[in-house]
Amino acid sequence: MADFLETIAGAQLRPSPIHGRGLFSLRERPLGEVLCILEGEVVSHGEDLDFLLSHEWNALSADEILLRRDWTSYGFINHARPANLTIRLDDHSLRAARDIMAGEELTLDYTEHGMPEVYLNSAHGSYLG
């Protein structure tokens, strides 16, 4: 994945101590700050693991995902508990769940709003349990 759309201002891709590469904040962000509105189409994933593995998405429930057609910098936000970001479901805004320091890796709890069972039960989702 060499090309991706930069979708979060003031963030930089770097090696991550969590997994592979991650997205890091270049500045402090206060609790509640909106980093961006997540783009995408709300779709049912149909329990199709191959589909899930070949696209970028965020789980909105156990049945629905926010699917993106292009790879973006959102895709580099690693999973962590507790996370420092949250997704508000009413407007798909990505917000600071607490104060974030400059240089800190941006993280989401991928299971915050549910997760497709087919993904959770696969080797790809085993780290989420």
N, C-alpha and C. Protein backbone atom coordinates (compact mmCIF):
# COMPACT_ATOMS: atom_id res chain seq x y z
N MET A 1 0.85 -1.17 0.00
CA MET A 1 0.00 0.00 0.00
C MET A 1 0.89 1.23 0.00
N ALA A 2 1.39 1.61 -1.14
CA ALA A 2 2.30 2.74 -1.25
C ALA A 2 1.54 4.06 -1.28
N ASP A 3 0.38 4.10 -1.91
CA ASP A 3 -0.38 5.34 -2.05
C ASP A 3 -1.62 5.32 -1.18
N PHE A 4 -1.87 6.46 -0.53
CA PHE A 4 -3.07 6.60 0.26
C PHE A 4 -3.40 8.08 0.37
N LEU A 5 -4.66 8.38 0.63
CA LEU A 5 -5.10 9.76 0.78
C LEU A 5 -4.81 10.22 2.20
N GLU A 6 -4.17 11.37 2.34
CA GLU A 6 -3.93 11.93 3.67
C GLU A 6 -5.21 12.62 4.11
N THR A 7 -5.80 12.09 5.17
CA THR A 7 -7.14 12.52 5.58
C THR A 7 -7.19 13.17 6.97
N ILE A 8 -6.08 13.18 7.69
CA ILE A 8 -6.05 13.79 9.02
C ILE A 8 -4.92 14.81 9.06
N ALA A 9 -5.28 16.08 9.20
CA ALA A 9 -4.28 17.14 9.26
C ALA A 9 -3.49 17.04 10.56
N GLY A 10 -2.20 17.37 10.49
CA GLY A 10 -1.38 17.39 11.69
C GLY A 10 -1.05 16.01 12.21
N ALA A 11 -0.97 15.04 11.31
CA ALA A 11 -0.62 13.67 11.69
C ALA A 11 0.43 13.15 10.71
N GLN A 12 1.25 12.23 11.20
CA GLN A 12 2.36 11.71 10.40
C GLN A 12 2.46 10.20 10.56
N LEU A 13 2.74 9.53 9.46
CA LEU A 13 2.94 8.08 9.46
C LEU A 13 4.36 7.77 9.92
N ARG A 14 4.48 6.86 10.92
CA ARG A 14 5.78 6.46 11.47
C ARG A 14 5.73 4.99 11.86
N PRO A 15 6.90 4.37 12.09
CA PRO A 15 6.90 3.02 12.66
C PRO A 15 6.19 3.03 14.01
N SER A 16 5.40 1.99 14.25
CA SER A 16 4.59 1.92 15.47
C SER A 16 5.07 0.83 16.41
N PRO A 17 5.11 1.11 17.71
CA PRO A 17 5.41 0.06 18.68
C PRO A 17 4.23 -0.91 18.85
N ILE A 18 3.05 -0.52 18.36
CA ILE A 18 1.86 -1.38 18.46
C ILE A 18 1.87 -2.41 17.33
N HIS A 19 1.98 -1.91 16.09
CA HIS A 19 1.95 -2.81 14.94
C HIS A 19 2.36 -2.05 13.68
N GLY A 20 3.35 -2.54 12.98
CA GLY A 20 3.73 -1.98 11.68
C GLY A 20 3.97 -0.49 11.70
N ARG A 21 3.14 0.21 10.93
CA ARG A 21 3.19 1.67 10.91
C ARG A 21 1.94 2.21 11.56
N GLY A 22 2.05 3.38 12.17
CA GLY A 22 0.91 4.01 12.82
C GLY A 22 0.87 5.48 12.49
N LEU A 23 -0.22 6.11 12.87
CA LEU A 23 -0.41 7.54 12.64
C LEU A 23 -0.16 8.26 13.96
N PHE A 24 0.70 9.28 13.93
CA PHE A 24 1.10 10.00 15.13
C PHE A 24 0.69 11.46 15.03
N SER A 25 0.21 12.01 16.13
CA SER A 25 -0.20 13.42 16.17
C SER A 25 1.02 14.31 16.23
N LEU A 26 1.03 15.35 15.42
CA LEU A 26 2.15 16.30 15.42
C LEU A 26 1.94 17.44 16.41
N ARG A 27 0.75 17.47 17.02
CA ARG A 27 0.45 18.52 18.00
C ARG A 27 -0.47 18.00 19.08
N GLU A 28 -0.60 18.77 20.14
CA GLU A 28 -1.53 18.41 21.20
C GLU A 28 -2.96 18.53 20.68
N ARG A 29 -3.83 17.67 21.19
CA ARG A 29 -5.24 17.69 20.81
C ARG A 29 -6.07 17.54 22.09
N PRO A 30 -6.96 18.48 22.35
CA PRO A 30 -7.76 18.40 23.57
C PRO A 30 -8.91 17.39 23.44
N LEU A 31 -9.38 16.91 24.56
CA LEU A 31 -10.55 16.03 24.62
C LEU A 31 -11.67 16.62 23.78
N GLY A 32 -12.26 15.80 22.91
CA GLY A 32 -13.39 16.22 22.10
C GLY A 32 -13.04 16.83 20.76
N GLU A 33 -11.77 17.13 20.51
CA GLU A 33 -11.41 17.73 19.22
C GLU A 33 -11.79 16.79 18.08
N VAL A 34 -12.39 17.36 17.04
CA VAL A 34 -12.72 16.59 15.84
C VAL A 34 -11.49 16.58 14.94
N LEU A 35 -10.95 15.39 14.71
CA LEU A 35 -9.79 15.27 13.83
C LEU A 35 -10.23 15.24 12.37
N CYS A 36 -11.40 14.67 12.11
CA CYS A 36 -11.94 14.61 10.75
C CYS A 36 -13.32 13.98 10.81
N ILE A 37 -13.99 14.04 9.70
CA ILE A 37 -15.23 13.29 9.49
C ILE A 37 -14.85 12.11 8.60
N LEU A 38 -15.09 10.90 9.09
CA LEU A 38 -14.74 9.71 8.32
C LEU A 38 -15.63 9.61 7.09
N GLU A 39 -15.01 9.52 5.94
CA GLU A 39 -15.73 9.37 4.68
C GLU A 39 -16.06 7.89 4.49
N GLY A 40 -17.02 7.64 3.65
CA GLY A 40 -17.34 6.27 3.32
C GLY A 40 -18.82 6.05 3.15
N GLU A 41 -19.14 4.82 2.82
CA GLU A 41 -20.51 4.41 2.59
C GLU A 41 -20.88 3.36 3.63
N VAL A 42 -22.03 3.54 4.27
CA VAL A 42 -22.50 2.56 5.25
C VAL A 42 -23.06 1.36 4.49
N VAL A 43 -22.48 0.19 4.72
CA VAL A 43 -22.92 -1.02 4.03
C VAL A 43 -22.94 -2.19 5.01
N SER A 44 -23.73 -3.19 4.67
CA SER A 44 -23.69 -4.46 5.38
C SER A 44 -22.54 -5.26 4.79
N HIS A 45 -21.73 -5.86 5.63
CA HIS A 45 -20.54 -6.57 5.14
C HIS A 45 -20.86 -7.99 4.69
N GLY A 46 -22.02 -8.50 5.07
CA GLY A 46 -22.44 -9.81 4.60
C GLY A 46 -21.59 -10.97 5.09
N GLU A 47 -20.83 -10.77 6.17
CA GLU A 47 -20.00 -11.83 6.73
C GLU A 47 -19.02 -12.39 5.69
N ASP A 48 -18.54 -11.54 4.81
CA ASP A 48 -17.60 -11.94 3.76
C ASP A 48 -16.19 -11.52 4.17
N LEU A 49 -15.41 -12.45 4.71
CA LEU A 49 -14.07 -12.15 5.21
C LEU A 49 -13.15 -11.63 4.10
N ASP A 50 -13.20 -12.23 2.93
CA ASP A 50 -12.35 -11.76 1.83
C ASP A 50 -12.64 -10.30 1.48
N PHE A 51 -13.92 -9.93 1.48
CA PHE A 51 -14.31 -8.55 1.23
C PHE A 51 -13.72 -7.63 2.30
N LEU A 52 -13.87 -8.01 3.56
CA LEU A 52 -13.35 -7.19 4.66
C LEU A 52 -11.84 -7.03 4.59
N LEU A 53 -11.13 -8.07 4.21
CA LEU A 53 -9.68 -8.01 4.15
C LEU A 53 -9.15 -7.21 2.97
N SER A 54 -9.97 -7.00 1.97
CA SER A 54 -9.50 -6.30 0.77
C SER A 54 -9.95 -4.84 0.71
N HIS A 55 -10.57 -4.34 1.77
CA HIS A 55 -11.04 -2.96 1.79
C HIS A 55 -10.66 -2.28 3.11
N GLU A 56 -10.71 -0.96 3.10
CA GLU A 56 -10.53 -0.20 4.33
C GLU A 56 -11.92 0.15 4.87
N TRP A 57 -12.11 -0.04 6.18
CA TRP A 57 -13.42 0.17 6.78
C TRP A 57 -13.30 0.37 8.28
N ASN A 58 -14.38 0.88 8.85
CA ASN A 58 -14.55 0.95 10.31
C ASN A 58 -15.86 0.28 10.64
N ALA A 59 -15.88 -0.51 11.71
CA ALA A 59 -17.12 -1.15 12.15
C ALA A 59 -18.01 -0.11 12.82
N LEU A 60 -19.28 -0.08 12.41
CA LEU A 60 -20.27 0.79 13.03
C LEU A 60 -21.18 -0.02 13.94
N SER A 61 -21.24 -1.32 13.71
CA SER A 61 -22.01 -2.26 14.52
C SER A 61 -21.50 -3.64 14.13
N ALA A 62 -22.13 -4.66 14.68
CA ALA A 62 -21.74 -6.02 14.30
C ALA A 62 -22.15 -6.33 12.87
N ASP A 63 -23.09 -5.55 12.31
CA ASP A 63 -23.62 -5.82 10.98
C ASP A 63 -23.22 -4.81 9.91
N GLU A 64 -22.87 -3.60 10.31
CA GLU A 64 -22.58 -2.55 9.32
C GLU A 64 -21.18 -2.00 9.46
N ILE A 65 -20.62 -1.62 8.32
CA ILE A 65 -19.30 -0.99 8.30
C ILE A 65 -19.38 0.31 7.51
N LEU A 66 -18.41 1.18 7.75
CA LEU A 66 -18.22 2.38 6.96
C LEU A 66 -17.10 2.06 5.98
N LEU A 67 -17.47 1.81 4.74
CA LEU A 67 -16.56 1.32 3.72
C LEU A 67 -15.99 2.48 2.91
N ARG A 68 -14.69 2.42 2.65
CA ARG A 68 -14.05 3.41 1.79
C ARG A 68 -13.52 2.74 0.53
N ARG A 69 -13.65 3.41 -0.57
CA ARG A 69 -13.19 2.89 -1.86
C ARG A 69 -11.69 3.09 -2.04
N ASP A 70 -11.14 4.10 -1.37
CA ASP A 70 -9.70 4.41 -1.46
C ASP A 70 -9.04 4.15 -0.12
N TRP A 71 -7.75 3.85 -0.16
CA TRP A 71 -6.97 3.69 1.06
C TRP A 71 -6.62 5.09 1.57
N THR A 72 -6.76 5.30 2.87
CA THR A 72 -6.54 6.62 3.47
C THR A 72 -5.62 6.50 4.68
N SER A 73 -5.27 7.64 5.25
CA SER A 73 -4.46 7.61 6.47
C SER A 73 -5.25 7.05 7.65
N TYR A 74 -6.59 7.02 7.59
CA TYR A 74 -7.37 6.38 8.66
C TYR A 74 -6.94 4.93 8.85
N GLY A 75 -6.57 4.30 7.75
CA GLY A 75 -6.20 2.89 7.77
C GLY A 75 -4.95 2.58 8.57
N PHE A 76 -4.22 3.61 8.97
CA PHE A 76 -3.00 3.42 9.75
C PHE A 76 -3.21 3.66 11.25
N ILE A 77 -4.45 3.92 11.65
CA ILE A 77 -4.74 4.10 13.07
C ILE A 77 -4.83 2.70 13.69
N ASN A 78 -3.93 2.41 14.60
CA ASN A 78 -3.87 1.08 15.21
C ASN A 78 -4.89 0.92 16.33
N HIS A 79 -5.20 -0.34 16.62
CA HIS A 79 -6.12 -0.72 17.69
C HIS A 79 -5.40 -0.67 19.03
N ALA A 80 -6.08 -0.14 20.04
CA ALA A 80 -5.57 -0.16 21.42
C ALA A 80 -6.74 -0.01 22.38
N ARG A 81 -6.56 -0.56 23.56
CA ARG A 81 -7.51 -0.38 24.67
C ARG A 81 -6.74 0.04 25.89
N PRO A 82 -7.01 1.16 26.48
CA PRO A 82 -7.97 2.14 26.00
C PRO A 82 -7.40 2.92 24.83
N ALA A 83 -8.28 3.42 23.98
CA ALA A 83 -7.88 4.20 22.80
C ALA A 83 -7.94 5.69 23.13
N ASN A 84 -7.23 6.48 22.34
CA ASN A 84 -7.29 7.93 22.54
C ASN A 84 -8.21 8.62 21.54
N LEU A 85 -8.82 7.84 20.63
CA LEU A 85 -9.80 8.36 19.68
C LEU A 85 -11.09 7.57 19.80
N THR A 86 -12.17 8.19 19.35
CA THR A 86 -13.47 7.53 19.29
C THR A 86 -14.19 7.98 18.03
N ILE A 87 -15.11 7.17 17.55
CA ILE A 87 -15.94 7.53 16.41
C ILE A 87 -17.34 7.81 16.93
N ARG A 88 -17.84 9.01 16.64
CA ARG A 88 -19.23 9.32 16.99
C ARG A 88 -20.11 8.82 15.86
N LEU A 89 -21.07 7.98 16.19
CA LEU A 89 -21.88 7.32 15.17
C LEU A 89 -22.85 8.26 14.45
N ASP A 90 -23.32 9.32 15.11
CA ASP A 90 -24.32 10.18 14.47
C ASP A 90 -23.77 10.98 13.29
N ASP A 91 -22.49 11.32 13.33
CA ASP A 91 -21.93 12.11 12.23
C ASP A 91 -20.62 11.53 11.68
N HIS A 92 -20.21 10.37 12.17
CA HIS A 92 -18.97 9.69 11.77
C HIS A 92 -17.73 10.55 12.00
N SER A 93 -17.81 11.39 13.03
CA SER A 93 -16.64 12.20 13.36
C SER A 93 -15.65 11.39 14.18
N LEU A 94 -14.38 11.58 13.87
CA LEU A 94 -13.28 10.97 14.61
C LEU A 94 -12.81 12.01 15.61
N ARG A 95 -12.94 11.71 16.90
CA ARG A 95 -12.69 12.69 17.96
C ARG A 95 -11.68 12.18 18.98
N ALA A 96 -11.03 13.13 19.63
CA ALA A 96 -10.13 12.79 20.73
C ALA A 96 -10.98 12.32 21.91
N ALA A 97 -10.72 11.11 22.39
CA ALA A 97 -11.44 10.55 23.53
C ALA A 97 -10.85 11.02 24.86
N ARG A 98 -9.69 11.64 24.78
CA ARG A 98 -9.00 12.24 25.93
C ARG A 98 -7.98 13.21 25.37
N ASP A 99 -7.32 13.96 26.22
CA ASP A 99 -6.25 14.83 25.76
C ASP A 99 -5.14 13.97 25.15
N ILE A 100 -4.63 14.41 24.00
CA ILE A 100 -3.57 13.68 23.30
C ILE A 100 -2.34 14.58 23.21
N MET A 101 -1.20 14.03 23.55
CA MET A 101 0.05 14.80 23.52
C MET A 101 0.66 14.78 22.12
N ALA A 102 1.43 15.82 21.81
CA ALA A 102 2.17 15.85 20.55
C ALA A 102 3.12 14.65 20.53
N GLY A 103 3.20 13.98 19.41
CA GLY A 103 4.08 12.82 19.27
C GLY A 103 3.43 11.50 19.64
N GLU A 104 2.23 11.53 20.19
CA GLU A 104 1.55 10.31 20.62
C GLU A 104 0.89 9.62 19.43
N GLU A 105 0.93 8.28 19.44
CA GLU A 105 0.26 7.53 18.38
C GLU A 105 -1.25 7.63 18.56
N LEU A 106 -1.96 7.82 17.45
CA LEU A 106 -3.42 7.87 17.45
C LEU A 106 -3.95 6.44 17.40
N THR A 107 -4.89 6.12 18.30
CA THR A 107 -5.42 4.76 18.39
C THR A 107 -6.94 4.75 18.50
N LEU A 108 -7.52 3.67 18.05
CA LEU A 108 -8.95 3.41 18.16
C LEU A 108 -9.16 2.04 18.78
N ASP A 109 -10.24 1.88 19.53
CA ASP A 109 -10.68 0.54 19.94
C ASP A 109 -11.56 0.05 18.80
N TYR A 110 -11.04 -0.83 17.98
CA TYR A 110 -11.76 -1.28 16.79
C TYR A 110 -13.11 -1.92 17.14
N THR A 111 -13.26 -2.41 18.35
CA THR A 111 -14.49 -3.10 18.74
C THR A 111 -15.47 -2.19 19.47
N GLU A 112 -15.19 -0.90 19.54
CA GLU A 112 -16.01 0.05 20.30
C GLU A 112 -17.49 -0.04 19.96
N HIS A 113 -17.83 -0.19 18.69
CA HIS A 113 -19.23 -0.20 18.27
C HIS A 113 -19.68 -1.56 17.74
N GLY A 114 -18.90 -2.58 18.01
CA GLY A 114 -19.19 -3.90 17.48
C GLY A 114 -18.17 -4.23 16.41
N MET A 115 -18.21 -5.47 15.95
CA MET A 115 -17.24 -5.92 14.95
C MET A 115 -17.85 -7.13 14.25
N PRO A 116 -17.68 -7.24 12.94
CA PRO A 116 -18.18 -8.43 12.25
C PRO A 116 -17.62 -9.71 12.87
N GLU A 117 -18.50 -10.64 13.20
CA GLU A 117 -18.08 -11.90 13.82
C GLU A 117 -17.10 -12.67 12.96
N VAL A 118 -17.31 -12.64 11.64
CA VAL A 118 -16.42 -13.38 10.74
C VAL A 118 -14.98 -12.86 10.86
N TYR A 119 -14.82 -11.58 11.11
CA TYR A 119 -13.48 -11.01 11.28
C TYR A 119 -12.93 -11.36 12.66
N LEU A 120 -13.76 -11.20 13.69
CA LEU A 120 -13.32 -11.52 15.06
C LEU A 120 -12.88 -12.97 15.19
N ASN A 121 -13.58 -13.86 14.51
CA ASN A 121 -13.29 -15.29 14.62
C ASN A 121 -12.19 -15.77 13.69
N SER A 122 -11.62 -14.87 12.90
CA SER A 122 -10.54 -15.25 11.98
C SER A 122 -9.18 -15.00 12.61
N ALA A 123 -8.16 -15.54 12.01
CA ALA A 123 -6.79 -15.28 12.47
C ALA A 123 -6.46 -13.79 12.40
N HIS A 124 -7.07 -13.06 11.46
CA HIS A 124 -6.81 -11.63 11.28
C HIS A 124 -7.36 -10.80 12.45
N GLY A 125 -8.40 -11.28 13.09
CA GLY A 125 -9.01 -10.52 14.18
C GLY A 125 -8.71 -11.07 15.56
N SER A 126 -7.86 -12.08 15.64
CA SER A 126 -7.60 -12.73 16.93
C SER A 126 -7.00 -11.78 17.97
N TYR A 127 -6.28 -10.76 17.54
CA TYR A 127 -5.66 -9.82 18.47
C TYR A 127 -6.68 -8.89 19.12
N LEU A 128 -7.92 -8.87 18.64
CA LEU A 128 -8.94 -7.97 19.18
C LEU A 128 -9.65 -8.54 20.40
N GLY A 129 -9.54 -9.84 20.62
CA GLY A 129 -10.28 -10.50 21.69
C GLY A 129 -9.83 -10.25 23.05
